[in-house]
Protein backbone atom coordinates (compact mmCIF):
# COMPACT_ATOMS: atom_id res chain seq x y z
CA MET A 1 42.85 -78.69 43.06
CA GLU A 2 39.30 -79.30 44.25
CA PHE A 3 37.49 -81.66 46.61
CA ILE A 4 33.86 -82.70 46.56
CA GLU A 5 32.31 -82.15 49.98
CA TYR A 6 29.76 -84.64 51.27
CA HIS A 7 27.79 -84.64 54.49
CA LEU A 8 27.70 -88.05 56.16
CA PHE A 9 24.95 -89.23 58.49
CA SER A 10 24.87 -92.49 60.46
CA ASP A 11 22.77 -93.83 63.34
CA THR A 12 25.68 -95.77 64.87
CA LEU A 13 29.34 -95.73 63.88
CA TYR A 14 32.45 -97.40 65.28
CA LEU A 15 35.79 -96.20 63.92
CA GLY A 16 38.18 -98.04 66.18
CA GLU A 17 41.86 -97.85 66.85
CA ARG A 18 43.62 -101.09 65.96
CA GLY A 19 44.95 -102.51 69.20
CA LYS A 20 45.49 -106.13 70.12
CA GLY A 21 44.79 -107.36 73.62
CA ASP A 22 42.99 -104.27 74.90
CA ILE A 23 39.61 -104.84 76.53
CA PHE A 24 38.56 -101.22 75.93
CA LYS A 25 38.15 -100.18 72.30
CA PRO A 26 37.97 -96.37 71.90
CA CYS A 27 36.31 -94.70 68.93
CA LEU A 28 38.12 -92.12 66.82
CA ARG A 29 36.86 -88.54 66.68
CA THR A 30 38.02 -88.10 63.11
CA ILE A 31 37.55 -90.11 59.91
CA PRO A 32 40.99 -91.16 58.66
CA PHE A 33 42.07 -91.43 55.02
CA SER A 34 42.19 -95.22 55.35
CA GLN A 35 38.60 -95.59 56.63
CA ILE A 36 36.75 -93.29 54.25
CA SER A 37 38.87 -93.98 51.14
CA GLY A 38 38.58 -97.73 51.77
CA ALA A 39 34.81 -97.54 52.23
CA LEU A 40 34.34 -95.54 49.03
CA ASN A 41 36.60 -97.82 47.00
CA SER A 42 34.80 -100.90 48.34
CA LYS A 43 31.38 -99.43 47.58
CA PHE A 44 32.18 -98.47 43.99
CA GLY A 45 34.68 -101.22 43.10
CA THR A 46 37.73 -99.08 42.38
CA ASP A 47 41.01 -97.97 43.97
CA GLY A 48 40.74 -94.36 42.79
CA PHE A 49 39.04 -92.57 45.67
CA LYS A 50 41.10 -90.44 48.07
CA ALA A 51 39.25 -88.77 50.91
CA VAL A 52 39.35 -87.63 54.53
CA GLY A 53 36.74 -86.43 56.98
CA TYR A 54 35.94 -85.29 60.49
CA LEU A 55 33.00 -85.11 62.87
CA SER A 56 31.01 -81.89 62.71
CA GLY A 57 27.79 -80.29 63.89
CA ASN A 58 26.61 -79.07 67.27
CA SER A 59 26.13 -80.96 70.54
CA GLU A 60 23.08 -82.87 69.32
CA TYR A 61 25.34 -84.90 67.03
CA ASN A 62 28.10 -87.46 67.64
CA THR A 63 27.00 -88.67 71.06
CA ILE A 64 29.39 -91.13 72.74
CA GLU A 65 27.87 -94.44 73.88
CA TYR A 66 29.32 -97.68 75.24
CA MET A 67 28.58 -101.34 74.61
CA THR A 68 29.98 -104.50 76.18
CA TYR A 69 30.11 -107.71 74.17
CA ALA A 70 32.08 -110.95 74.14
CA PRO A 71 33.34 -111.93 70.68
CA LYS A 72 33.52 -115.67 69.97
CA ASP A 73 36.58 -117.56 68.82
CA ARG A 74 36.00 -118.45 65.15
CA ILE A 75 37.25 -122.01 65.56
CA SER A 76 36.07 -123.11 69.00
CA GLY A 77 32.95 -120.93 69.21
CA VAL A 78 33.85 -120.09 72.81
CA SER A 79 33.38 -116.50 73.97
CA LYS A 80 36.53 -114.54 74.70
CA LEU A 81 36.99 -111.87 77.37
CA PRO A 82 34.24 -109.24 77.16
CA LEU A 83 35.20 -106.01 75.44
CA GLN A 84 33.91 -102.53 76.13
CA VAL A 85 33.44 -100.61 72.90
CA GLU A 86 33.05 -96.85 72.58
CA PHE A 87 30.93 -95.81 69.60
CA LEU A 88 29.07 -92.81 68.21
CA THR A 89 25.35 -92.29 67.67
CA ASN A 90 23.52 -89.70 65.58
CA VAL A 91 26.69 -89.12 63.58
CA PHE A 92 27.24 -86.08 61.39
CA ALA A 93 30.54 -85.68 59.56
CA LYS A 94 32.03 -83.74 56.67
CA ILE A 95 33.83 -85.76 54.01
CA PHE A 96 36.17 -84.34 51.35
CA VAL A 97 36.80 -86.48 48.25
CA LEU A 98 39.57 -85.54 45.81
CA LYS A 99 37.93 -84.49 42.56
CA ASN A 100 39.27 -86.95 39.99
CA LYS A 101 37.70 -89.10 37.27
CA ASP A 102 36.32 -91.57 39.82
CA ALA A 103 34.92 -88.89 42.12
CA GLU A 104 33.19 -87.13 39.23
CA THR A 105 30.99 -90.23 38.77
CA LEU A 106 29.72 -90.16 42.38
CA PRO A 107 25.97 -89.64 42.76
CA ASP A 108 24.68 -86.67 44.73
CA GLU A 109 23.32 -89.06 47.37
CA PHE A 110 24.27 -92.64 48.20
CA GLN A 111 24.60 -95.17 51.00
CA MET A 112 27.61 -97.21 52.08
CA ILE A 113 29.02 -99.18 55.01
CA MET A 114 32.04 -97.96 56.99
CA GLY A 115 33.85 -98.88 60.18
CA GLY A 116 33.72 -101.86 62.51
CA LEU A 117 31.03 -103.95 64.20
CA LYS A 118 29.09 -104.37 60.97
CA SER A 119 27.69 -107.68 62.25
CA LYS A 120 26.12 -105.72 65.12
CA GLY A 121 24.38 -103.37 62.70
CA PHE A 122 26.90 -100.52 62.88
CA GLY A 123 28.28 -98.46 60.01
CA ALA A 124 25.35 -97.78 57.67
CA CYS A 125 26.07 -94.30 56.29
CA ASN A 126 24.07 -91.90 54.14
CA LEU A 127 26.06 -89.35 52.16
CA LYS A 128 24.74 -86.22 50.50
CA LYS A 129 26.73 -83.88 48.27
CA ALA A 130 27.20 -80.45 49.87
CA GLY A 131 29.45 -78.56 47.45
CA ILE A 132 33.01 -78.08 46.22
CA ALA A 133 36.00 -77.16 48.41
CA ASP A 134 38.95 -75.34 46.86
CA ALA A 135 42.29 -76.66 48.15
CA ARG A 136 44.68 -74.37 46.28
CA LYS A 137 45.21 -71.84 49.07
CA VAL A 138 46.99 -73.02 52.23
CA THR A 139 46.94 -71.49 55.72
CA PRO A 140 49.04 -72.31 58.82
CA GLY A 141 47.07 -74.16 61.45
CA ILE A 142 46.35 -77.39 63.31
CA LEU A 143 45.35 -80.43 61.27
CA LYS A 144 42.07 -82.14 62.18
CA VAL A 145 42.32 -85.20 59.91
CA ARG A 146 44.62 -88.21 59.47
CA ILE A 147 46.56 -88.38 56.19
CA PRO A 148 49.41 -90.69 55.09
CA VAL A 149 52.62 -88.72 54.67
CA ASP A 150 52.93 -90.01 51.10
CA GLU A 151 49.49 -88.47 50.34
CA LYS A 152 50.20 -85.01 51.78
CA ASP A 153 50.58 -83.50 48.30
CA THR A 154 47.21 -84.99 47.32
CA PHE A 155 45.63 -82.82 50.02
CA ASN A 156 48.01 -79.87 49.47
CA VAL A 157 49.46 -80.16 52.97
CA LYS A 158 52.64 -78.04 53.12
CA ASN A 159 55.25 -76.95 55.66
CA ILE A 160 55.03 -79.67 58.31
CA ILE A 161 56.02 -77.52 61.30
CA LYS A 162 55.28 -79.74 64.29
CA PRO A 163 54.04 -83.19 63.25
CA VAL A 164 52.03 -85.68 65.27
CA TYR A 165 52.90 -88.98 63.63
CA GLY A 166 51.08 -92.28 63.70
CA TYR A 167 50.37 -95.14 61.32
CA LEU A 168 47.41 -95.83 59.05
CA PHE A 169 46.68 -98.98 57.09
CA LYS A 170 46.93 -98.27 53.36
CA LYS A 171 45.70 -100.81 50.83
CA ILE A 172 47.95 -101.78 47.94
CA PRO A 173 45.95 -101.10 44.74
CA ASN A 174 44.46 -104.15 43.00
CA THR A 175 45.21 -106.44 45.96
CA TYR A 176 43.51 -107.54 49.18
CA THR A 177 46.46 -106.56 51.33
CA GLY A 178 48.29 -103.42 52.39
CA ASN A 179 50.83 -101.88 54.75
CA TYR A 180 50.90 -99.56 57.73
CA VAL A 181 52.32 -96.24 56.54
CA LEU A 182 53.63 -93.20 58.40
CA SER A 183 50.85 -90.64 58.67
CA LEU A 184 50.13 -87.14 59.91
CA PHE A 185 47.55 -87.24 62.71
CA GLU A 186 45.18 -84.60 64.02
CA GLY A 187 47.03 -82.03 66.12
CA SER A 188 49.90 -81.69 63.63
CA GLU A 189 50.94 -78.10 62.98
CA VAL A 190 51.05 -77.62 59.21
CA ALA A 191 50.07 -75.32 56.38
CA ALA A 192 47.05 -76.78 54.59
CA PRO A 193 43.70 -75.89 53.02
CA LEU A 194 41.44 -74.24 55.58
CA PHE A 195 38.81 -77.00 55.51
CA LEU A 196 41.39 -79.48 56.89
CA LEU A 197 42.30 -77.28 59.87
CA ARG A 198 40.79 -76.58 63.27
CA ARG A 199 39.07 -73.21 63.44
């Protein structure tokens, strides 16, 4: 079992938690299965990509910034309550794409859009192939990605010792809809490939 590792760079990125009614929208510090897999599948017109990722690099990367804006009602055109949005600038992340027939067609370098606030110019990402990660050997540790429970075997996640559960949106293949599915979140104690664990 192998994964293709890509390095992702973005000037501004918003990977938000889905929450209705909140006036503060925090930004995730990891790149969930749903976000990166969905972005890849949308870019290349397939449902075959399965991937996860996380922020990486030293202190010069992944700076937290804030923006306030007032979204407009689509029907009335009237501005709603202003929202404060947390986002990242100078983003560097590591992405791991399951090596399958779709992934083997990926170019060494490409661009795609991911995350929210696209209308504000957020989410333009550049990806560059960095190598191959072997997922056959597992080690006990703390998970640093978000993976649907029904995809844990895809990523060779074993022995869920102390889970941190949450929900991720997972698209139903060949449709424009999906469901929220039980998922393992960062902080879960598991046995998994080393590249998915905190050092």
